[in-house]
């Protein structure tokens, strides 16, 4: 991203010092119809590369909708995450893992 020029910084400081009522927005009509707006168009959380082991039938189902199965899996997990956080905030509990039958 380019750095702001001195003139741009000055303009921003001038507008920031003004009251909202004093800013002239007459050349920018208010947008009333947001039906074509796309959520998340500009904000994208950082991605992390992970390795997951999925059941073959689950992976086949995700890949069955053409390209984008990883994005689809991310969307499904995000939906589950937001649904779970709306219901009840999760509490930290210890999860026991089955012990391996091998001797270490």
C-alpha atoms as a PDB file:
ATOM      1  CA  UNK A   1       0.000   0.000   0.000  1.00  0.00           C
ATOM      2  CA  UNK A   2       1.291   3.444  -0.908  1.00  0.00           C
ATOM      3  CA  UNK A   3       2.145   5.916   1.822  1.00  0.00           C
ATOM      4  CA  UNK A   4      -0.010   9.031   2.115  1.00  0.00           C
ATOM      5  CA  UNK A   5       1.348  12.306   0.824  1.00  0.00           C
ATOM      6  CA  UNK A   6       1.664  15.346   3.105  1.00  0.00           C
ATOM      7  CA  UNK A   7      -1.346  16.887   1.383  1.00  0.00           C
ATOM      8  CA  UNK A   8      -3.463  13.770   1.967  1.00  0.00           C
ATOM      9  CA  UNK A   9      -2.420  13.632   5.630  1.00  0.00           C
ATOM     10  CA  UNK A  10      -3.325  17.316   6.003  1.00  0.00           C
ATOM     11  CA  UNK A  11      -6.753  16.751   4.397  1.00  0.00           C
ATOM     12  CA  UNK A  12      -7.465  13.774   6.660  1.00  0.00           C
ATOM     13  CA  UNK A  13      -6.469  15.752   9.756  1.00  0.00           C
ATOM     14  CA  UNK A  14      -8.716  18.646   8.684  1.00  0.00           C
ATOM     15  CA  UNK A  15     -11.731  16.380   8.174  1.00  0.00           C
ATOM     16  CA  UNK A  16     -11.050  14.451  11.405  1.00  0.00           C
ATOM     17  CA  UNK A  17     -11.101  17.740  13.363  1.00  0.00           C
ATOM     18  CA  UNK A  18     -14.538  18.677  11.973  1.00  0.00           C
ATOM     19  CA  UNK A  19     -17.884  17.815  13.540  1.00  0.00           C
ATOM     20  CA  UNK A  20     -19.917  15.279  11.573  1.00  0.00           C
ATOM     21  CA  UNK A  21     -22.640  17.873  10.926  1.00  0.00           C
ATOM     22  CA  UNK A  22     -20.120  20.267   9.328  1.00  0.00           C
ATOM     23  CA  UNK A  23     -18.903  17.820   6.660  1.00  0.00           C
ATOM     24  CA  UNK A  24     -20.511  18.506   3.273  1.00  0.00           C
ATOM     25  CA  UNK A  25     -21.800  15.255   1.789  1.00  0.00           C
ATOM     26  CA  UNK A  26     -24.067  16.851  -0.843  1.00  0.00           C
ATOM     27  CA  UNK A  27     -22.014  15.377  -3.709  1.00  0.00           C
ATOM     28  CA  UNK A  28     -22.363  11.864  -2.219  1.00  0.00           C
ATOM     29  CA  UNK A  29     -25.989  10.706  -2.110  1.00  0.00           C
ATOM     30  CA  UNK A  30     -26.840   8.298   0.695  1.00  0.00           C
ATOM     31  CA  UNK A  31     -27.021   4.656  -0.357  1.00  0.00           C
ATOM     32  CA  UNK A  32     -30.390   3.231   0.599  1.00  0.00           C
ATOM     33  CA  UNK A  33     -30.407  -0.004  -1.406  1.00  0.00           C
ATOM     34  CA  UNK A  34     -27.833  -2.486  -0.076  1.00  0.00           C
ATOM     35  CA  UNK A  35     -29.324  -5.532  -1.830  1.00  0.00           C
ATOM     36  CA  UNK A  36     -26.285  -5.944  -4.089  1.00  0.00           C
ATOM     37  CA  UNK A  37     -23.744  -5.583  -1.273  1.00  0.00           C
ATOM     38  CA  UNK A  38     -21.361  -8.453  -0.643  1.00  0.00           C
ATOM     39  CA  UNK A  39     -20.356  -9.291   2.906  1.00  0.00           C
ATOM     40  CA  UNK A  40     -16.652  -9.786   3.530  1.00  0.00           C
ATOM     41  CA  UNK A  41     -15.606  -8.420   0.149  1.00  0.00           C
ATOM     42  CA  UNK A  42     -12.748  -6.344   1.515  1.00  0.00           C
ATOM     43  CA  UNK A  43     -11.892  -8.046   4.825  1.00  0.00           C
ATOM     44  CA  UNK A  44     -10.261 -11.411   4.613  1.00  0.00           C
ATOM     45  CA  UNK A  45      -8.898 -13.066   7.727  1.00  0.00           C
ATOM     46  CA  UNK A  46      -5.411 -14.511   7.380  1.00  0.00           C
ATOM     47  CA  UNK A  47      -5.252 -18.122   6.245  1.00  0.00           C
ATOM     48  CA  UNK A  48      -3.186 -20.850   7.866  1.00  0.00           C
ATOM     49  CA  UNK A  49      -2.121 -24.017   6.179  1.00  0.00           C
ATOM     50  CA  UNK A  50      -3.222 -27.105   8.109  1.00  0.00           C
ATOM     51  CA  UNK A  51      -3.382 -30.823   7.556  1.00  0.00           C
ATOM     52  CA  UNK A  52      -6.657 -32.538   8.389  1.00  0.00           C
ATOM     53  CA  UNK A  53      -7.697 -36.134   8.119  1.00  0.00           C
ATOM     54  CA  UNK A  54     -11.264 -36.365   6.810  1.00  0.00           C
ATOM     55  CA  UNK A  55     -13.444 -39.369   6.164  1.00  0.00           C
ATOM     56  CA  UNK A  56     -13.333 -40.304   2.481  1.00  0.00           C
ATOM     57  CA  UNK A  57     -17.074 -39.849   2.016  1.00  0.00           C
ATOM     58  CA  UNK A  58     -16.952 -36.354   3.546  1.00  0.00           C
ATOM     59  CA  UNK A  59     -14.087 -35.368   1.250  1.00  0.00           C
ATOM     60  CA  UNK A  60     -15.903 -36.827  -1.778  1.00  0.00           C
ATOM     61  CA  UNK A  61     -19.001 -34.807  -0.840  1.00  0.00           C
ATOM     62  CA  UNK A  62     -16.965 -31.581  -0.522  1.00  0.00           C
ATOM     63  CA  UNK A  63     -15.200 -32.200  -3.832  1.00  0.00           C
ATOM     64  CA  UNK A  64     -18.471 -33.168  -5.526  1.00  0.00           C
ATOM     65  CA  UNK A  65     -19.426 -29.530  -5.990  1.00  0.00           C
ATOM     66  CA  UNK A  66     -16.560 -28.821  -8.421  1.00  0.00           C
ATOM     67  CA  UNK A  67     -13.661 -26.552  -7.525  1.00  0.00           C
ATOM     68  CA  UNK A  68     -13.364 -24.827  -4.163  1.00  0.00           C
ATOM     69  CA  UNK A  69     -13.801 -27.682  -1.711  1.00  0.00           C
ATOM     70  CA  UNK A  70     -11.350 -26.127   0.762  1.00  0.00           C
ATOM     71  CA  UNK A  71     -13.215 -22.813   0.691  1.00  0.00           C
ATOM     72  CA  UNK A  72     -16.483 -24.721   1.099  1.00  0.00           C
ATOM     73  CA  UNK A  73     -15.092 -26.599   4.120  1.00  0.00           C
ATOM     74  CA  UNK A  74     -13.921 -23.290   5.603  1.00  0.00           C
ATOM     75  CA  UNK A  75     -17.385 -21.767   5.077  1.00  0.00           C
ATOM     76  CA  UNK A  76     -19.083 -24.736   6.737  1.00  0.00           C
ATOM     77  CA  UNK A  77     -16.712 -24.577   9.707  1.00  0.00           C
ATOM     78  CA  UNK A  78     -17.149 -20.780   9.977  1.00  0.00           C
ATOM     79  CA  UNK A  79     -20.942 -21.205   9.995  1.00  0.00           C
ATOM     80  CA  UNK A  80     -20.695 -23.874  12.705  1.00  0.00           C
ATOM     81  CA  UNK A  81     -18.343 -21.629  14.701  1.00  0.00           C
ATOM     82  CA  UNK A  82     -20.621 -18.590  14.504  1.00  0.00           C
ATOM     83  CA  UNK A  83     -23.687 -20.695  15.360  1.00  0.00           C
ATOM     84  CA  UNK A  84     -21.940 -22.189  18.374  1.00  0.00           C
ATOM     85  CA  UNK A  85     -20.726 -18.827  19.677  1.00  0.00           C
ATOM     86  CA  UNK A  86     -24.241 -17.353  19.337  1.00  0.00           C
ATOM     87  CA  UNK A  87     -25.697 -20.117  21.507  1.00  0.00           C
ATOM     88  CA  UNK A  88     -23.192 -20.410  24.338  1.00  0.00           C
ATOM     89  CA  UNK A  89     -19.600 -19.327  24.678  1.00  0.00           C
ATOM     90  CA  UNK A  90     -17.498 -22.494  24.928  1.00  0.00           C
ATOM     91  CA  UNK A  91     -15.752 -23.198  28.191  1.00  0.00           C
ATOM     92  CA  UNK A  92     -12.308 -24.668  28.444  1.00  0.00           C
ATOM     93  CA  UNK A  93     -12.521 -28.312  29.335  1.00  0.00           C
ATOM     94  CA  UNK A  94      -9.900 -30.934  29.152  1.00  0.00           C
ATOM     95  CA  UNK A  95     -10.473 -33.429  26.395  1.00  0.00           C
ATOM     96  CA  UNK A  96      -9.156 -36.880  27.067  1.00  0.00           C
ATOM     97  CA  UNK A  97      -7.479 -38.623  24.192  1.00  0.00           C
ATOM     98  CA  UNK A  98      -7.502 -42.384  23.871  1.00  0.00           C
ATOM     99  CA  UNK A  99      -4.196 -43.909  24.798  1.00  0.00           C
ATOM    100  CA  UNK A 100      -2.243 -45.709  22.188  1.00  0.00           C
ATOM    101  CA  UNK A 101      -1.832 -49.426  22.620  1.00  0.00           C
ATOM    102  CA  UNK A 102       1.833 -49.087  21.697  1.00  0.00           C
ATOM    103  CA  UNK A 103       4.445 -48.851  24.397  1.00  0.00           C
ATOM    104  CA  UNK A 104       6.489 -45.663  24.279  1.00  0.00           C
END
